[in-house]
Amino acid sequence: MRGASSAFGRVTREDWSNAAPRADEIGISPSLSPKFPLLSVPYGCLVPRGIDGLLVAGRHISCDPSSHSFLREIPQCWLTGQAAGVAAALAGAERCAPRTVPIAELQAALRRQQVLLRAEGEPALVPAGETAEAKS
């Protein structure tokens, strides 16, 4: 299935130009084109709506067709797969459903594994050679 829409957080084309960190960020992806900033990938795109006890990763995350064109690539599949694995381990340890995994704990565990995450409120990341001021 391409561009699944059944998760509770979805990556859309509108997210490309925003570039602000999502509160449930699990990783940062390069964008489709150098003219767009880097993309904050949310945990919500891994959690299916209406199905408990399941996480999706890789090509099965929730996103629109435009976003799926680059989020289905191998590095982004690694990013979502690592986050799904860590979240599943936390859900097991906490004895909770994946949708209720504490985001702060998930992000802390990912940071311990050297995953690059931004704090909420940090400035948007822009492609090399540009400044955040130039994007405004």
Foldseek 3Di string as FASTA:
>chain_A
DAQDAFFPDEAEPVQFQVQAADQLFQAWACAPDQVTFIGGDHQRQQHGPPDWQGGHAARRGHYHRVRSVPCNDDVNRVSRVVLVVLLNVQCVVVVHTSVPRDSVVSNVVSVVVVGDHDHHPDQGGHHPPDDSVVSD
